[in-house]
Structures are given as C-alpha cells and as structure tokens.
C-alpha atoms as a PDB file:
ATOM      1  CA  MET A   1       0.095   0.060  -0.163  1.00  0.00           C
ATOM      2  CA  ALA A   2       1.157   3.534  -0.872  1.00  0.00           C
ATOM      3  CA  LYS A   3       2.464   5.829   2.047  1.00  0.00           C
ATOM      4  CA  HIS A   4       0.071   8.667   2.576  1.00  0.00           C
ATOM      5  CA  ASP A   5       0.535  11.939   4.463  1.00  0.00           C
ATOM      6  CA  VAL A   6      -2.569  11.923   6.296  1.00  0.00           C
ATOM      7  CA  ASP A   7      -4.004  14.434   8.876  1.00  0.00           C
ATOM      8  CA  PRO A   8      -5.689  12.386  11.453  1.00  0.00           C
ATOM      9  CA  VAL A   9      -8.361  14.739  12.012  1.00  0.00           C
ATOM     10  CA  LEU A  10      -9.214  15.124   8.454  1.00  0.00           C
ATOM     11  CA  ARG A  11      -9.217  11.313   8.180  1.00  0.00           C
ATOM     12  CA  GLN A  12     -11.733  11.026  11.214  1.00  0.00           C
ATOM     13  CA  LEU A  13     -13.854  13.489   9.505  1.00  0.00           C
ATOM     14  CA  VAL A  14     -13.911  11.862   6.169  1.00  0.00           C
ATOM     15  CA  ARG A  15     -14.867   8.545   8.064  1.00  0.00           C
ATOM     16  CA  ALA A  16     -17.645  10.160  10.016  1.00  0.00           C
ATOM     17  CA  VAL A  17     -18.994  11.585   6.663  1.00  0.00           C
ATOM     18  CA  ASN A  18     -18.648   8.340   4.842  1.00  0.00           C
ATOM     19  CA  GLU A  19     -20.539   6.514   7.619  1.00  0.00           C
ATOM     20  CA  SER A  20     -23.302   9.160   7.883  1.00  0.00           C
ATOM     21  CA  VAL A  21     -23.989   9.238   4.087  1.00  0.00           C
ATOM     22  CA  GLN A  22     -26.121  12.253   4.187  1.00  0.00           C
ATOM     23  CA  ALA A  23     -23.738  14.816   6.081  1.00  0.00           C
ATOM     24  CA  ALA A  24     -22.176  17.472   4.137  1.00  0.00           C
ATOM     25  CA  VAL A  25     -19.146  19.432   5.816  1.00  0.00           C
ATOM     26  CA  PRO A  26     -17.763  22.689   4.455  1.00  0.00           C
ATOM     27  CA  VAL A  27     -14.045  22.313   3.825  1.00  0.00           C
ATOM     28  CA  THR A  28     -11.200  24.299   2.329  1.00  0.00           C
ATOM     29  CA  VAL A  29      -8.220  22.432   1.181  1.00  0.00           C
ATOM     30  CA  THR A  30      -5.014  23.727  -0.500  1.00  0.00           C
ATOM     31  CA  VAL A  31      -2.737  21.344  -2.569  1.00  0.00           C
ATOM     32  CA  HIS A  32       0.135  22.552  -4.385  1.00  0.00           C
ATOM     33  CA  GLY A  33      -0.977  26.088  -4.716  1.00  0.00           C
ATOM     34  CA  THR A  34      -4.566  25.300  -5.761  1.00  0.00           C
ATOM     35  CA  THR A  35      -7.425  26.052  -3.094  1.00  0.00           C
ATOM     36  CA  LEU A  36     -10.706  24.143  -3.169  1.00  0.00           C
ATOM     37  CA  ALA A  37     -13.647  24.996  -1.153  1.00  0.00           C
ATOM     38  CA  GLY A  38     -16.716  23.096  -0.987  1.00  0.00           C
ATOM     39  CA  ALA A  39     -18.682  20.450   0.938  1.00  0.00           C
ATOM     40  CA  LEU A  40     -17.139  17.230   1.932  1.00  0.00           C
ATOM     41  CA  VAL A  41     -19.622  14.377   1.112  1.00  0.00           C
ATOM     42  CA  ALA A  42     -19.728  10.683   1.565  1.00  0.00           C
ATOM     43  CA  GLU A  43     -18.126   8.507  -1.155  1.00  0.00           C
ATOM     44  CA  SER A  44     -21.449   6.924  -2.049  1.00  0.00           C
ATOM     45  CA  ARG A  45     -23.256  10.337  -2.233  1.00  0.00           C
ATOM     46  CA  TYR A  46     -20.423  11.689  -4.349  1.00  0.00           C
ATOM     47  CA  PHE A  47     -20.794   8.751  -6.861  1.00  0.00           C
ATOM     48  CA  SER A  48     -24.595   9.098  -7.055  1.00  0.00           C
ATOM     49  CA  GLU A  49     -24.418  12.783  -7.778  1.00  0.00           C
ATOM     50  CA  LEU A  50     -21.754  12.026 -10.397  1.00  0.00           C
ATOM     51  CA  VAL A  51     -24.076   9.510 -12.178  1.00  0.00           C
ATOM     52  CA  GLU A  52     -27.107  11.935 -11.918  1.00  0.00           C
ATOM     53  CA  ARG A  53     -25.028  14.793 -13.786  1.00  0.00           C
ATOM     54  CA  ASN A  54     -23.787  12.064 -16.374  1.00  0.00           C
ATOM     55  CA  PRO A  55     -25.328   8.489 -16.331  1.00  0.00           C
ATOM     56  CA  LEU A  56     -22.227   7.273 -18.448  1.00  0.00           C
ATOM     57  CA  MET A  57     -20.260   7.853 -15.087  1.00  0.00           C
ATOM     58  CA  SER A  58     -21.961   4.972 -13.488  1.00  0.00           C
ATOM     59  CA  ALA A  59     -19.220   2.629 -14.591  1.00  0.00           C
ATOM     60  CA  LEU A  60     -16.896   4.547 -12.202  1.00  0.00           C
ATOM     61  CA  GLU A  61     -19.359   3.720  -9.140  1.00  0.00           C
ATOM     62  CA  PRO A  62     -17.758   0.933  -7.157  1.00  0.00           C
ATOM     63  CA  ALA A  63     -20.999  -0.595  -6.165  1.00  0.00           C
ATOM     64  CA  ALA A  64     -22.105  -1.146  -9.829  1.00  0.00           C
ATOM     65  CA  GLY A  65     -19.286  -3.693 -10.226  1.00  0.00           C
ATOM     66  CA  LEU A  66     -18.732  -2.772 -13.892  1.00  0.00           C
ATOM     67  CA  LEU A  67     -14.971  -2.261 -13.265  1.00  0.00           C
ATOM     68  CA  GLY A  68     -14.540  -5.558 -11.462  1.00  0.00           C
ATOM     69  CA  LYS A  69     -14.126  -6.722  -7.843  1.00  0.00           C
ATOM     70  CA  GLU A  70     -10.564  -5.679  -7.539  1.00  0.00           C
ATOM     71  CA  TYR A  71     -11.618  -2.034  -8.372  1.00  0.00           C
ATOM     72  CA  ALA A  72     -14.544  -2.132  -5.676  1.00  0.00           C
ATOM     73  CA  ARG A  73     -12.075  -3.559  -3.166  1.00  0.00           C
ATOM     74  CA  GLU A  74      -9.544  -0.977  -3.658  1.00  0.00           C
ATOM     75  CA  ALA A  75     -12.182   1.885  -3.829  1.00  0.00           C
ATOM     76  CA  GLU A  76     -13.266   0.599  -0.412  1.00  0.00           C
ATOM     77  CA  ALA A  77      -9.833   0.286   1.000  1.00  0.00           C
ATOM     78  CA  GLU A  78      -8.766   3.741  -0.138  1.00  0.00           C
ATOM     79  CA  SER A  79     -12.005   5.502   0.731  1.00  0.00           C
ATOM     80  CA  ASP A  80     -10.500   7.129   3.893  1.00  0.00           C
ATOM     81  CA  HIS A  81      -7.568   8.617   1.844  1.00  0.00           C
ATOM     82  CA  HIS A  82      -9.755  10.506  -0.520  1.00  0.00           C
ATOM     83  CA  LEU A  83     -11.741  13.633  -0.324  1.00  0.00           C
ATOM     84  CA  HIS A  84     -15.116  13.476  -2.217  1.00  0.00           C
ATOM     85  CA  VAL A  85     -16.201  17.122  -2.481  1.00  0.00           C
ATOM     86  CA  ARG A  86     -18.960  19.048  -4.099  1.00  0.00           C
ATOM     87  CA  ALA A  87     -16.678  22.216  -5.083  1.00  0.00           C
ATOM     88  CA  GLY A  88     -18.067  25.478  -4.614  1.00  0.00           C
ATOM     89  CA  SER A  89     -14.884  27.192  -6.081  1.00  0.00           C
ATOM     90  CA  ILE A  90     -11.501  26.484  -7.258  1.00  0.00           C
ATOM     91  CA  ARG A  91      -8.666  28.918  -7.255  1.00  0.00           C
ATOM     92  CA  GLY A  92      -5.405  28.338  -8.891  1.00  0.00           C
ATOM     93  CA  ASP A  93      -3.937  27.806 -12.362  1.00  0.00           C
ATOM     94  CA  ALA A  94      -7.401  26.968 -13.872  1.00  0.00           C
ATOM     95  CA  GLU A  95     -10.371  28.446 -12.497  1.00  0.00           C
ATOM     96  CA  ALA A  96     -13.730  26.576 -12.323  1.00  0.00           C
ATOM     97  CA  ALA A  97     -17.243  27.457 -11.016  1.00  0.00           C
ATOM     98  CA  GLU A  98     -18.717  24.149  -9.628  1.00  0.00           C
ATOM     99  CA  GLY A  99     -18.267  20.484  -9.746  1.00  0.00           C
ATOM    100  CA  LEU A 100     -17.592  17.258  -8.126  1.00  0.00           C
END
C-alpha cells in the first residue's frame, strides 16, 4: 500500500461523513497552490451525484461492479484517503465554478 501523508483529524472527519452518508461538511483544502472550497460528502453520495449529472459515469461507481471486484475492493480500502467534495470554488492555475 502506498504511503499517505494523512492529517488524522481530516481522516476521522472523512470517516464520519462516509458513515453518515447524508452529512455535508464545509471544507477548504490547499494542495500544490490550488485552493478548493466546497462540501465534503460521503463517497456513496459523491458517486450518486456524479451519475445524476452524467449517467455514463455509472461505470466508476464501485457498487455497480462494472469495473470488477478488485476495483471495488481498492475503492473501499482507499475511501478514507480521498476527499469527495462538491466544489463551490477552485482557485489556482485553472478557474472552475462548480463540480464534483
């Protein structure tokens, strides 16, 4: 497994949001000069909203099983290492209004 630089408080927040499924917590994250502000949402909610916006994205949803069992296992194992954010604003080299 890859080594992750993890903020333990942020990791617990991600776990809590993933467990609640319906929670949305405001966050602002800065990575390599890009600032992302938005709502942290559960992984399952993230994929549901992604599919609502574009049905072809259903292949990426781990529960769909379209990319195989290994993909689903990896997604589950790594879910605490990824932020699933409904972006309100992105500032950096590229500007974007909204998105997942």
